[in-house]
Amino acid sequence: MNPINLQQVVPAGMAGQRIDRVAALLFADFSRAELSRWITAGELTVDGQSWKPKQKVAGGETLNLQAERTAREAWQDAQAMPLDVLYEDEHLLVLNKPPGLVVHPGAGNPDQTLVNGLLHHRAALKLLPRAGVVHRLDKDTSGVMVVAASEIAQLRLSRMIAQRKLSRSYVCVCEGRMVAGQDVDAPIGRDPHVRTRQAIREDGKTARTEFRVRERFRAHTLVDARLLTGRTHQIRVHMQSIGYPLVGDRRYGARGKVPSGADMALINLLHGFKRQALHAQELAFEHPESGAHMSFSAPWPADISVLVDALREDAHA
């Protein structure tokens, strides 16, 4: 349990607004959804009285918040596992996630996820919504990600992501030889035919990605990608949409393309690459408490390094 005992007076300028909105402004370290639950439960009172979240204030009321935060997620218990922690303090952790590790429990992955490892590493994360996870990487995408370790960090990091103030850049290897970089602005939504896929849809959510060529090979390209929004499978969908699916990404159009006349070692490497060749290489943001600029990078995993080296050697043979 984590007891909370706070008090605020409603400014006159907030007269006419709903109590749940006012509470979210006065108790900014908590989410509006959580405050609404506390109002409904009578743990956040107005002049000592229980209110409904939709009731409106007149100004001058005293809000009393007396609540206890309990573990809210029905995920599995903490489980020991090795974590590549790049940085941590009382407000956040920055990790290098390996490929093949699911971020949080769900259908088909009840345990042995990153969240289970995080709960073992820091038990207090169970008191935060989603155990502090503010963004995620696909199971088979590797790289750097940040996890909130305090309520204020979770709220502020989530706002940074929503306001596009958290910079995320990736490196990927695609099939095909890109002539030049591209900026893709194409909305993304769930594929109406395959629920496990995303697709370009007119009624989808805004999605923007910047792609820049880093190095060209004979039949592939090493590409830097920068997310300007954060939709599910965004880089994978956008690369497929411009005709350059990621190596290994058979869900989004990869065909196991090989350079003409490639040796058997390279052919086997390309055909045996079982995940999308995508790595989150850099993450930058302002520290949610101090405001200091923070920047982190995660080294390429071995499989992508081996792939790029082999394509480079083939190109210079």
C-alpha atoms as a PDB file:
ATOM      1  CA  MET A   1       0.000   0.000   0.000  1.00  0.00           C
ATOM      2  CA  ASN A   2       1.061   3.588  -0.685  1.00  0.00           C
ATOM      3  CA  PRO A   3      -0.996   6.087   1.391  1.00  0.00           C
ATOM      4  CA  ILE A   4      -1.832   9.497  -0.070  1.00  0.00           C
ATOM      5  CA  ASN A   5      -3.040  12.466   2.008  1.00  0.00           C
ATOM      6  CA  LEU A   6      -3.319  15.764   0.101  1.00  0.00           C
ATOM      7  CA  GLN A   7      -5.468  18.896   0.159  1.00  0.00           C
ATOM      8  CA  GLN A   8      -6.149  21.672  -2.363  1.00  0.00           C
ATOM      9  CA  VAL A   9      -8.524  24.657  -2.558  1.00  0.00           C
ATOM     10  CA  VAL A  10     -10.365  25.206  -5.841  1.00  0.00           C
ATOM     11  CA  PRO A  11      -9.416  28.612  -7.346  1.00  0.00           C
ATOM     12  CA  ALA A  12     -12.314  30.903  -8.239  1.00  0.00           C
ATOM     13  CA  GLY A  13     -11.188  30.869 -11.879  1.00  0.00           C
ATOM     14  CA  MET A  14     -12.110  27.183 -12.162  1.00  0.00           C
ATOM     15  CA  ALA A  15     -15.788  27.792 -11.382  1.00  0.00           C
ATOM     16  CA  GLY A  16     -18.134  25.865 -13.648  1.00  0.00           C
ATOM     17  CA  GLN A  17     -15.712  23.035 -14.437  1.00  0.00           C
ATOM     18  CA  ARG A  18     -16.226  19.350 -13.652  1.00  0.00           C
ATOM     19  CA  ILE A  19     -14.676  18.138 -10.430  1.00  0.00           C
ATOM     20  CA  ASP A  20     -12.691  15.381 -12.193  1.00  0.00           C
ATOM     21  CA  ARG A  21     -11.087  17.946 -14.508  1.00  0.00           C
ATOM     22  CA  VAL A  22     -10.360  20.329 -11.638  1.00  0.00           C
ATOM     23  CA  ALA A  23      -8.834  17.510  -9.601  1.00  0.00           C
ATOM     24  CA  ALA A  24      -6.597  16.548 -12.535  1.00  0.00           C
ATOM     25  CA  LEU A  25      -5.291  20.133 -12.652  1.00  0.00           C
ATOM     26  CA  LEU A  26      -4.803  20.505  -8.895  1.00  0.00           C
ATOM     27  CA  PHE A  27      -3.381  17.028  -8.308  1.00  0.00           C
ATOM     28  CA  ALA A  28      -1.269  16.918 -11.453  1.00  0.00           C
ATOM     29  CA  ASP A  29       0.846  13.986 -10.304  1.00  0.00           C
ATOM     30  CA  PHE A  30      -2.109  11.612 -10.781  1.00  0.00           C
ATOM     31  CA  SER A  31      -4.041  10.677 -13.892  1.00  0.00           C
ATOM     32  CA  ARG A  32      -7.585  11.937 -14.428  1.00  0.00           C
ATOM     33  CA  ALA A  33      -8.844   8.337 -14.660  1.00  0.00           C
ATOM     34  CA  GLU A  34      -7.371   7.450 -11.280  1.00  0.00           C
ATOM     35  CA  LEU A  35      -8.701  10.628  -9.684  1.00  0.00           C
ATOM     36  CA  SER A  36     -12.160   9.859 -11.075  1.00  0.00           C
ATOM     37  CA  ARG A  37     -12.037   6.443  -9.412  1.00  0.00           C
ATOM     38  CA  TRP A  38     -11.116   8.059  -6.122  1.00  0.00           C
ATOM     39  CA  ILE A  39     -13.959  10.590  -6.456  1.00  0.00           C
ATOM     40  CA  THR A  40     -16.454   7.804  -7.124  1.00  0.00           C
ATOM     41  CA  ALA A  41     -15.101   5.784  -4.188  1.00  0.00           C
ATOM     42  CA  GLY A  42     -15.371   8.764  -1.829  1.00  0.00           C
ATOM     43  CA  GLU A  43     -11.622   8.919  -1.296  1.00  0.00           C
ATOM     44  CA  LEU A  44     -11.455  12.373  -2.882  1.00  0.00           C
ATOM     45  CA  THR A  45     -14.052  14.561  -1.176  1.00  0.00           C
ATOM     46  CA  VAL A  46     -15.314  18.120  -1.692  1.00  0.00           C
ATOM     47  CA  ASP A  47     -15.794  20.042   1.548  1.00  0.00           C
ATOM     48  CA  GLY A  48     -16.004  16.683   3.262  1.00  0.00           C
ATOM     49  CA  GLN A  49     -18.747  15.374   0.957  1.00  0.00           C
ATOM     50  CA  SER A  50     -18.699  12.677  -1.689  1.00  0.00           C
ATOM     51  CA  TRP A  51     -19.327  13.908  -5.225  1.00  0.00           C
ATOM     52  CA  LYS A  52     -19.752  12.407  -8.662  1.00  0.00           C
ATOM     53  CA  PRO A  53     -16.991  13.088 -11.214  1.00  0.00           C
ATOM     54  CA  LYS A  54     -19.337  15.082 -13.469  1.00  0.00           C
ATOM     55  CA  GLN A  55     -20.462  17.554 -10.790  1.00  0.00           C
ATOM     56  CA  LYS A  56     -19.255  21.128 -11.263  1.00  0.00           C
ATOM     57  CA  VAL A  57     -17.427  23.328  -8.772  1.00  0.00           C
ATOM     58  CA  ALA A  58     -18.281  26.894  -7.836  1.00  0.00           C
ATOM     59  CA  GLY A  59     -14.804  27.855  -6.640  1.00  0.00           C
ATOM     60  CA  GLY A  60     -13.474  27.984  -3.097  1.00  0.00           C
ATOM     61  CA  GLU A  61     -14.200  24.343  -2.247  1.00  0.00           C
ATOM     62  CA  THR A  62     -11.616  22.297  -0.352  1.00  0.00           C
ATOM     63  CA  LEU A  63     -10.605  19.015  -1.944  1.00  0.00           C
ATOM     64  CA  ASN A  64      -9.289  16.308   0.346  1.00  0.00           C
ATOM     65  CA  LEU A  65      -7.555  13.304  -1.177  1.00  0.00           C
ATOM     66  CA  GLN A  66      -7.081  10.402   1.220  1.00  0.00           C
ATOM     67  CA  ALA A  67      -6.420   7.220  -0.707  1.00  0.00           C
ATOM     68  CA  GLU A  68      -4.203   4.181  -0.826  1.00  0.00           C
ATOM     69  CA  ARG A  69      -2.574   3.074  -4.043  1.00  0.00           C
ATOM     70  CA  THR A  70      -2.583  -0.679  -4.511  1.00  0.00           C
ATOM     71  CA  ALA A  71      -1.230  -2.927  -7.231  1.00  0.00           C
ATOM     72  CA  ARG A  72      -3.613  -2.487 -10.159  1.00  0.00           C
ATOM     73  CA  GLU A  73      -2.393  -4.910 -12.775  1.00  0.00           C
ATOM     74  CA  ALA A  74      -3.430  -8.562 -12.900  1.00  0.00           C
ATOM     75  CA  TRP A  75      -0.127  -9.608 -14.442  1.00  0.00           C
ATOM     76  CA  GLN A  76       2.085 -12.448 -13.266  1.00  0.00           C
ATOM     77  CA  ASP A  77       4.409 -12.205 -10.297  1.00  0.00           C
ATOM     78  CA  ALA A  78       7.960 -10.965 -10.403  1.00  0.00           C
ATOM     79  CA  GLN A  79      10.389 -13.310 -12.156  1.00  0.00           C
ATOM     80  CA  ALA A  80      14.161 -13.138 -12.121  1.00  0.00           C
ATOM     81  CA  MET A  81      15.802 -12.569 -15.482  1.00  0.00           C
ATOM     82  CA  PRO A  82      18.885 -10.733 -16.746  1.00  0.00           C
ATOM     83  CA  LEU A  83      18.182  -7.099 -17.643  1.00  0.00           C
ATOM     84  CA  ASP A  84      20.516  -4.824 -19.592  1.00  0.00           C
ATOM     85  CA  VAL A  85      19.953  -1.627 -17.589  1.00  0.00           C
ATOM     86  CA  LEU A  86      21.572   1.380 -19.242  1.00  0.00           C
ATOM     87  CA  TYR A  87      20.516   3.877 -16.553  1.00  0.00           C
ATOM     88  CA  GLU A  88      18.242   4.107 -13.541  1.00  0.00           C
ATOM     89  CA  ASP A  89      17.278   6.474 -10.759  1.00  0.00           C
ATOM     90  CA  GLU A  90      14.264   6.856  -8.494  1.00  0.00           C
ATOM     91  CA  HIS A  91      12.070   8.071 -11.365  1.00  0.00           C
ATOM     92  CA  LEU A  92      12.969   5.932 -14.376  1.00  0.00           C
ATOM     93  CA  LEU A  93      14.865   3.025 -15.875  1.00  0.00           C
ATOM     94  CA  VAL A  94      16.384   2.879 -19.353  1.00  0.00           C
ATOM     95  CA  LEU A  95      16.885  -0.603 -20.794  1.00  0.00           C
ATOM     96  CA  ASN A  96      18.304  -2.335 -23.826  1.00  0.00           C
ATOM     97  CA  LYS A  97      15.636  -4.913 -24.714  1.00  0.00           C
ATOM     98  CA  PRO A  98      16.880  -8.019 -26.518  1.00  0.00           C
ATOM     99  CA  PRO A  99      14.999  -9.437 -29.514  1.00  0.00           C
ATOM    100  CA  GLY A 100      12.512 -12.173 -28.665  1.00  0.00           C
ATOM    101  CA  LEU A 101      11.424 -10.701 -25.327  1.00  0.00           C
ATOM    102  CA  VAL A 102       7.749  -9.696 -24.971  1.00  0.00           C
ATOM    103  CA  VAL A 103       7.281  -6.427 -23.069  1.00  0.00           C
ATOM    104  CA  HIS A 104       4.178  -7.308 -21.041  1.00  0.00           C
ATOM    105  CA  PRO A 105       1.974 -10.341 -20.329  1.00  0.00           C
ATOM    106  CA  GLY A 106      -0.925 -11.020 -22.651  1.00  0.00           C
ATOM    107  CA  ALA A 107      -2.617 -13.712 -24.685  1.00  0.00           C
ATOM    108  CA  GLY A 108      -0.072 -16.404 -25.445  1.00  0.00           C
ATOM    109  CA  ASN A 109       2.569 -14.805 -23.207  1.00  0.00           C
ATOM    110  CA  PRO A 110       1.382 -15.168 -19.605  1.00  0.00           C
ATOM    111  CA  ASP A 111       4.803 -14.715 -18.043  1.00  0.00           C
ATOM    112  CA  GLN A 112       8.564 -14.420 -18.619  1.00  0.00           C
ATOM    113  CA  THR A 113       8.028 -10.933 -20.050  1.00  0.00           C
ATOM    114  CA  LEU A 114      10.045  -7.772 -19.529  1.00  0.00           C
ATOM    115  CA  VAL A 115       7.440  -6.586 -17.009  1.00  0.00           C
ATOM    116  CA  ASN A 116       7.936  -9.735 -14.921  1.00  0.00           C
ATOM    117  CA  GLY A 117      11.679  -9.069 -14.904  1.00  0.00           C
ATOM    118  CA  LEU A 118      11.151  -5.418 -14.014  1.00  0.00           C
ATOM    119  CA  LEU A 119       8.933  -6.349 -11.058  1.00  0.00           C
ATOM    120  CA  HIS A 120      11.719  -8.568  -9.758  1.00  0.00           C
ATOM    121  CA  HIS A 121      14.285  -5.818 -10.323  1.00  0.00           C
ATOM    122  CA  ARG A 122      12.138  -3.170  -8.596  1.00  0.00           C
ATOM    123  CA  ALA A 123       9.070  -4.425  -6.726  1.00  0.00           C
ATOM    124  CA  ALA A 124       7.572  -0.928  -6.288  1.00  0.00           C
ATOM    125  CA  LEU A 125       6.709  -0.864 -10.016  1.00  0.00           C
ATOM    126  CA  LYS A 126       3.645  -2.985  -9.208  1.00  0.00           C
ATOM    127  CA  LEU A 127       2.071   0.144  -7.735  1.00  0.00           C
ATOM    128  CA  LEU A 128       2.164   1.967 -11.085  1.00  0.00           C
ATOM    129  CA  PRO A 129      -0.307   1.535 -13.951  1.00  0.00           C
ATOM    130  CA  ARG A 130       1.135  -0.977 -16.429  1.00  0.00           C
ATOM    131  CA  ALA A 131       4.108  -1.377 -14.078  1.00  0.00           C
ATOM    132  CA  GLY A 132       5.563   1.870 -15.426  1.00  0.00           C
ATOM    133  CA  VAL A 133       5.541   0.915 -19.109  1.00  0.00           C
ATOM    134  CA  VAL A 134       4.927   4.082 -21.163  1.00  0.00           C
ATOM    135  CA  HIS A 135       5.859   2.710 -24.598  1.00  0.00           C
ATOM    136  CA  ARG A 136       6.848  -0.664 -25.911  1.00  0.00           C
ATOM    137  CA  LEU A 137       8.846  -2.441 -28.551  1.00  0.00           C
ATOM    138  CA  ASP A 138       7.532  -5.407 -30.529  1.00  0.00           C
ATOM    139  CA  LYS A 139       8.654  -8.815 -29.315  1.00  0.00           C
ATOM    140  CA  ASP A 140      11.203  -9.179 -32.122  1.00  0.00           C
ATOM    141  CA  THR A 141      12.396  -5.568 -32.109  1.00  0.00           C
ATOM    142  CA  SER A 142      15.476  -4.908 -30.002  1.00  0.00           C
ATOM    143  CA  GLY A 143      16.813  -1.748 -28.462  1.00  0.00           C
ATOM    144  CA  VAL A 144      16.495   1.090 -26.010  1.00  0.00           C
ATOM    145  CA  MET A 145      13.291   1.869 -24.110  1.00  0.00           C
ATOM    146  CA  VAL A 146      12.400   3.871 -21.003  1.00  0.00           C
ATOM    147  CA  VAL A 147      10.223   2.710 -18.109  1.00  0.00           C
ATOM    148  CA  ALA A 148       8.757   5.062 -15.505  1.00  0.00           C
ATOM    149  CA  ALA A 149       9.551   4.250 -11.875  1.00  0.00           C
ATOM    150  CA  SER A 150       7.365   6.915 -10.230  1.00  0.00           C
ATOM    151  CA  GLU A 151       3.877   8.268 -10.759  1.00  0.00           C
ATOM    152  CA  ILE A 152       5.123  11.710 -11.764  1.00  0.00           C
ATOM    153  CA  ALA A 153       7.568  10.195 -14.250  1.00  0.00           C
ATOM    154  CA  GLN A 154       4.856   8.051 -15.794  1.00  0.00           C
ATOM    155  CA  LEU A 155       2.546  10.991 -16.284  1.00  0.00           C
ATOM    156  CA  ARG A 156       5.219  13.297 -17.671  1.00  0.00           C
ATOM    157  CA  LEU A 157       6.825  10.699 -19.933  1.00  0.00           C
ATOM    158  CA  SER A 158       3.387   9.769 -21.299  1.00  0.00           C
ATOM    159  CA  ARG A 159       2.727  13.446 -22.017  1.00  0.00           C
ATOM    160  CA  MET A 160       6.091  13.789 -23.766  1.00  0.00           C
ATOM    161  CA  ILE A 161       5.199  10.875 -26.022  1.00  0.00           C
ATOM    162  CA  ALA A 162       1.740  12.302 -26.742  1.00  0.00           C
ATOM    163  CA  GLN A 163       3.241  15.739 -27.458  1.00  0.00           C
ATOM    164  CA  ARG A 164       6.072  14.206 -29.547  1.00  0.00           C
ATOM    165  CA  LYS A 165       8.749  15.526 -27.199  1.00  0.00           C
ATOM    166  CA  LEU A 166      10.408  12.143 -26.738  1.00  0.00           C
ATOM    167  CA  SER A 167      12.765  11.440 -29.642  1.00  0.00           C
ATOM    168  CA  ARG A 168      13.039   7.838 -30.878  1.00  0.00           C
ATOM    169  CA  SER A 169      15.304   6.728 -33.691  1.00  0.00           C
ATOM    170  CA  TYR A 170      15.816   3.271 -35.149  1.00  0.00           C
ATOM    171  CA  VAL A 171      18.076   1.477 -37.571  1.00  0.00           C
ATOM    172  CA  CYS A 172      16.721  -1.162 -39.937  1.00  0.00           C
ATOM    173  CA  VAL A 173      17.741  -3.250 -42.938  1.00  0.00           C
ATOM    174  CA  CYS A 174      15.244  -3.445 -45.787  1.00  0.00           C
ATOM    175  CA  GLU A 175      14.865  -5.454 -48.947  1.00  0.00           C
ATOM    176  CA  GLY A 176      15.557  -3.347 -52.019  1.00  0.00           C
ATOM    177  CA  ARG A 177      18.017  -0.598 -52.827  1.00  0.00           C
ATOM    178  CA  MET A 178      16.515   2.740 -51.788  1.00  0.00           C
ATOM    179  CA  VAL A 179      17.448   5.632 -54.050  1.00  0.00           C
ATOM    180  CA  ALA A 180      16.912   8.291 -51.384  1.00  0.00           C
ATOM    181  CA  GLY A 181      15.327   8.854 -48.005  1.00  0.00           C
ATOM    182  CA  GLN A 182      11.609   9.497 -47.692  1.00  0.00           C
ATOM    183  CA  ASP A 183       9.201  11.115 -45.256  1.00  0.00           C
ATOM    184  CA  VAL A 184       6.083   8.964 -44.969  1.00  0.00           C
ATOM    185  CA  ASP A 185       2.823  10.486 -43.744  1.00  0.00           C
ATOM    186  CA  ALA A 186       0.190   7.746 -43.947  1.00  0.00           C
ATOM    187  CA  PRO A 187      -2.470   6.902 -41.330  1.00  0.00           C
ATOM    188  CA  ILE A 188      -2.360   3.461 -39.727  1.00  0.00           C
ATOM    189  CA  GLY A 189      -5.128   1.274 -38.340  1.00  0.00           C
ATOM    190  CA  ARG A 190      -5.875  -2.380 -37.744  1.00  0.00           C
ATOM    191  CA  ASP A 191      -5.927  -4.519 -40.872  1.00  0.00           C
ATOM    192  CA  PRO A 192      -9.630  -5.368 -41.429  1.00  0.00           C
ATOM    193  CA  HIS A 193      -8.736  -8.831 -42.691  1.00  0.00           C
ATOM    194  CA  VAL A 194      -5.944  -9.904 -40.311  1.00  0.00           C
ATOM    195  CA  ARG A 195      -6.299  -8.736 -36.695  1.00  0.00           C
ATOM    196  CA  THR A 196      -2.610  -9.260 -35.892  1.00  0.00           C
ATOM    197  CA  ARG A 197      -1.541  -6.812 -38.606  1.00  0.00           C
ATOM    198  CA  GLN A 198      -1.729  -3.078 -39.062  1.00  0.00           C
ATOM    199  CA  ALA A 199      -2.351  -1.390 -42.402  1.00  0.00           C
ATOM    200  CA  ILE A 200      -2.476   1.988 -44.129  1.00  0.00           C
ATOM    201  CA  ARG A 201      -6.081   3.166 -43.748  1.00  0.00           C
ATOM    202  CA  GLU A 202      -7.779   6.462 -44.527  1.00  0.00           C
ATOM    203  CA  ASP A 203      -9.654   6.214 -41.231  1.00  0.00           C
ATOM    204  CA  GLY A 204      -6.523   5.245 -39.283  1.00  0.00           C
ATOM    205  CA  LYS A 205      -4.553   7.313 -36.805  1.00  0.00           C
ATOM    206  CA  THR A 206      -2.024   9.869 -38.028  1.00  0.00           C
ATOM    207  CA  ALA A 207       1.372   8.245 -38.532  1.00  0.00           C
ATOM    208  CA  ARG A 208       4.579   9.962 -39.677  1.00  0.00           C
ATOM    209  CA  THR A 209       8.066   8.511 -40.081  1.00  0.00           C
ATOM    210  CA  GLU A 210      11.294   9.930 -41.491  1.00  0.00           C
ATOM    211  CA  PHE A 211      13.557   7.481 -43.337  1.00  0.00           C
ATOM    212  CA  ARG A 212      17.146   8.298 -44.286  1.00  0.00           C
ATOM    213  CA  VAL A 213      19.556   6.073 -46.210  1.00  0.00           C
ATOM    214  CA  ARG A 214      22.658   5.218 -44.224  1.00  0.00           C
ATOM    215  CA  GLU A 215      24.262   2.687 -46.561  1.00  0.00           C
ATOM    216  CA  ARG A 216      23.295   0.919 -49.785  1.00  0.00           C
ATOM    217  CA  PHE A 217      24.188  -2.664 -50.644  1.00  0.00           C
ATOM    218  CA  ARG A 218      23.560  -4.604 -53.829  1.00  0.00           C
ATOM    219  CA  ALA A 219      19.957  -5.523 -53.062  1.00  0.00           C
ATOM    220  CA  HIS A 220      19.367  -4.105 -49.575  1.00  0.00           C
ATOM    221  CA  THR A 221      19.622  -0.823 -47.698  1.00  0.00           C
ATOM    222  CA  LEU A 222      20.634   0.146 -44.186  1.00  0.00           C
ATOM    223  CA  VAL A 223      18.167   2.828 -43.103  1.00  0.00           C
ATOM    224  CA  ASP A 224      17.829   5.268 -40.199  1.00  0.00           C
ATOM    225  CA  ALA A 225      14.214   5.791 -39.150  1.00  0.00           C
ATOM    226  CA  ARG A 226      12.826   8.468 -36.838  1.00  0.00           C
ATOM    227  CA  LEU A 227       9.342   8.197 -35.377  1.00  0.00           C
ATOM    228  CA  LEU A 228       7.283  11.388 -35.346  1.00  0.00           C
ATOM    229  CA  THR A 229       4.293   9.428 -34.005  1.00  0.00           C
ATOM    230  CA  GLY A 230       4.140   6.072 -32.251  1.00  0.00           C
ATOM    231  CA  ARG A 231       1.671   3.688 -33.850  1.00  0.00           C
ATOM    232  CA  THR A 232       1.777  -0.084 -33.546  1.00  0.00           C
ATOM    233  CA  HIS A 233       4.185  -1.579 -36.142  1.00  0.00           C
ATOM    234  CA  GLN A 234       4.608   1.917 -37.625  1.00  0.00           C
ATOM    235  CA  ILE A 235       8.074   1.541 -39.174  1.00  0.00           C
ATOM    236  CA  ARG A 236       7.257  -1.922 -40.493  1.00  0.00           C
ATOM    237  CA  VAL A 237       3.991  -0.797 -42.087  1.00  0.00           C
ATOM    238  CA  HIS A 238       5.463   2.377 -43.574  1.00  0.00           C
ATOM    239  CA  MET A 239       8.462   0.565 -45.048  1.00  0.00           C
ATOM    240  CA  GLN A 240       6.179  -1.991 -46.663  1.00  0.00           C
ATOM    241  CA  SER A 241       3.964   0.800 -48.002  1.00  0.00           C
ATOM    242  CA  ILE A 242       6.855   2.362 -49.957  1.00  0.00           C
ATOM    243  CA  GLY A 243       8.026  -0.988 -51.301  1.00  0.00           C
ATOM    244  CA  TYR A 244      10.927  -1.741 -48.964  1.00  0.00           C
ATOM    245  CA  PRO A 245       9.857  -4.355 -46.384  1.00  0.00           C
ATOM    246  CA  LEU A 246      12.295  -5.121 -43.592  1.00  0.00           C
ATOM    247  CA  VAL A 247      14.530  -8.160 -43.864  1.00  0.00           C
ATOM    248  CA  GLY A 248      12.897 -11.051 -42.024  1.00  0.00           C
ATOM    249  CA  ASP A 249       9.529  -9.300 -41.698  1.00  0.00           C
ATOM    250  CA  ARG A 250       7.318 -11.804 -43.490  1.00  0.00           C
ATOM    251  CA  ARG A 251       4.230 -10.392 -41.801  1.00  0.00           C
ATOM    252  CA  TYR A 252       4.803  -7.193 -43.753  1.00  0.00           C
ATOM    253  CA  GLY A 253       5.933  -8.331 -47.149  1.00  0.00           C
ATOM    254  CA  ALA A 254       9.523  -9.613 -46.836  1.00  0.00           C
ATOM    255  CA  ARG A 255      10.250 -12.294 -49.461  1.00  0.00           C
ATOM    256  CA  GLY A 256      13.755 -13.358 -48.521  1.00  0.00           C
ATOM    257  CA  LYS A 257      15.334 -11.354 -51.332  1.00  0.00           C
ATOM    258  CA  VAL A 258      19.022 -12.110 -52.097  1.00  0.00           C
ATOM    259  CA  PRO A 259      21.547 -10.290 -54.299  1.00  0.00           C
ATOM    260  CA  SER A 260      22.149 -11.812 -57.722  1.00  0.00           C
ATOM    261  CA  GLY A 261      24.967 -14.344 -57.549  1.00  0.00           C
ATOM    262  CA  ALA A 262      25.235 -14.222 -53.753  1.00  0.00           C
ATOM    263  CA  ASP A 263      27.216 -16.976 -52.098  1.00  0.00           C
ATOM    264  CA  MET A 264      25.453 -19.688 -50.127  1.00  0.00           C
ATOM    265  CA  ALA A 265      26.484 -18.253 -46.750  1.00  0.00           C
ATOM    266  CA  LEU A 266      24.699 -14.961 -47.461  1.00  0.00           C
ATOM    267  CA  ILE A 267      21.669 -16.744 -48.931  1.00  0.00           C
ATOM    268  CA  ASN A 268      21.365 -18.878 -45.800  1.00  0.00           C
ATOM    269  CA  LEU A 269      21.808 -15.833 -43.574  1.00  0.00           C
ATOM    270  CA  LEU A 270      19.058 -13.873 -45.337  1.00  0.00           C
ATOM    271  CA  HIS A 271      16.644 -16.793 -45.538  1.00  0.00           C
ATOM    272  CA  GLY A 272      17.336 -17.713 -41.925  1.00  0.00           C
ATOM    273  CA  PHE A 273      16.808 -14.222 -40.497  1.00  0.00           C
ATOM    274  CA  LYS A 274      13.684 -14.952 -38.441  1.00  0.00           C
ATOM    275  CA  ARG A 275      12.780 -11.518 -37.084  1.00  0.00           C
ATOM    276  CA  GLN A 276      12.331  -8.058 -38.543  1.00  0.00           C
ATOM    277  CA  ALA A 277      15.743  -6.397 -38.855  1.00  0.00           C
ATOM    278  CA  LEU A 278      14.770  -3.448 -36.667  1.00  0.00           C
ATOM    279  CA  HIS A 279      16.609  -1.981 -33.685  1.00  0.00           C
ATOM    280  CA  ALA A 280      15.728   1.023 -31.496  1.00  0.00           C
ATOM    281  CA  GLN A 281      19.124   2.684 -31.365  1.00  0.00           C
ATOM    282  CA  GLU A 282      18.564   6.057 -29.690  1.00  0.00           C
ATOM    283  CA  LEU A 283      16.184   7.655 -27.213  1.00  0.00           C
ATOM    284  CA  ALA A 284      16.265  11.275 -26.021  1.00  0.00           C
ATOM    285  CA  PHE A 285      14.018  13.236 -23.649  1.00  0.00           C
ATOM    286  CA  GLU A 286      13.978  15.653 -20.739  1.00  0.00           C
ATOM    287  CA  HIS A 287      14.221  14.024 -17.326  1.00  0.00           C
ATOM    288  CA  PRO A 288      10.651  14.042 -15.935  1.00  0.00           C
ATOM    289  CA  GLU A 289      11.770  15.449 -12.574  1.00  0.00           C
ATOM    290  CA  SER A 290      14.909  17.556 -13.154  1.00  0.00           C
ATOM    291  CA  GLY A 291      14.264  18.592 -16.757  1.00  0.00           C
ATOM    292  CA  ALA A 292      17.845  17.709 -17.700  1.00  0.00           C
ATOM    293  CA  HIS A 293      18.377  16.554 -21.285  1.00  0.00           C
ATOM    294  CA  MET A 294      19.001  12.818 -21.434  1.00  0.00           C
ATOM    295  CA  SER A 295      20.121  10.747 -24.406  1.00  0.00           C
ATOM    296  CA  PHE A 296      20.746   7.010 -24.589  1.00  0.00           C
ATOM    297  CA  SER A 297      21.848   4.588 -27.246  1.00  0.00           C
ATOM    298  CA  ALA A 298      21.825   0.804 -27.429  1.00  0.00           C
ATOM    299  CA  PRO A 299      24.473  -1.095 -29.417  1.00  0.00           C
ATOM    300  CA  TRP A 300      23.313  -3.223 -32.316  1.00  0.00           C
ATOM    301  CA  PRO A 301      22.522  -6.815 -31.393  1.00  0.00           C
ATOM    302  CA  ALA A 302      24.757  -9.501 -32.853  1.00  0.00           C
ATOM    303  CA  ASP A 303      22.311 -10.669 -35.533  1.00  0.00           C
ATOM    304  CA  ILE A 304      21.970  -7.223 -37.135  1.00  0.00           C
ATOM    305  CA  SER A 305      25.719  -6.611 -36.945  1.00  0.00           C
ATOM    306  CA  VAL A 306      26.400  -9.940 -38.660  1.00  0.00           C
ATOM    307  CA  LEU A 307      23.763  -9.189 -41.310  1.00  0.00           C
ATOM    308  CA  VAL A 308      25.151  -5.734 -42.135  1.00  0.00           C
ATOM    309  CA  ASP A 309      28.735  -7.024 -42.236  1.00  0.00           C
ATOM    310  CA  ALA A 310      27.734  -9.804 -44.644  1.00  0.00           C
ATOM    311  CA  LEU A 311      25.836  -7.425 -46.940  1.00  0.00           C
ATOM    312  CA  ARG A 312      28.746  -4.987 -46.892  1.00  0.00           C
ATOM    313  CA  GLU A 313      31.221  -7.727 -47.750  1.00  0.00           C
ATOM    314  CA  ASP A 314      29.001  -8.901 -50.602  1.00  0.00           C
ATOM    315  CA  ALA A 315      28.730  -5.340 -51.943  1.00  0.00           C
ATOM    316  CA  HIS A 316      32.509  -4.925 -52.004  1.00  0.00           C
ATOM    317  CA  ALA A 317      33.380  -8.373 -53.350  1.00  0.00           C
END
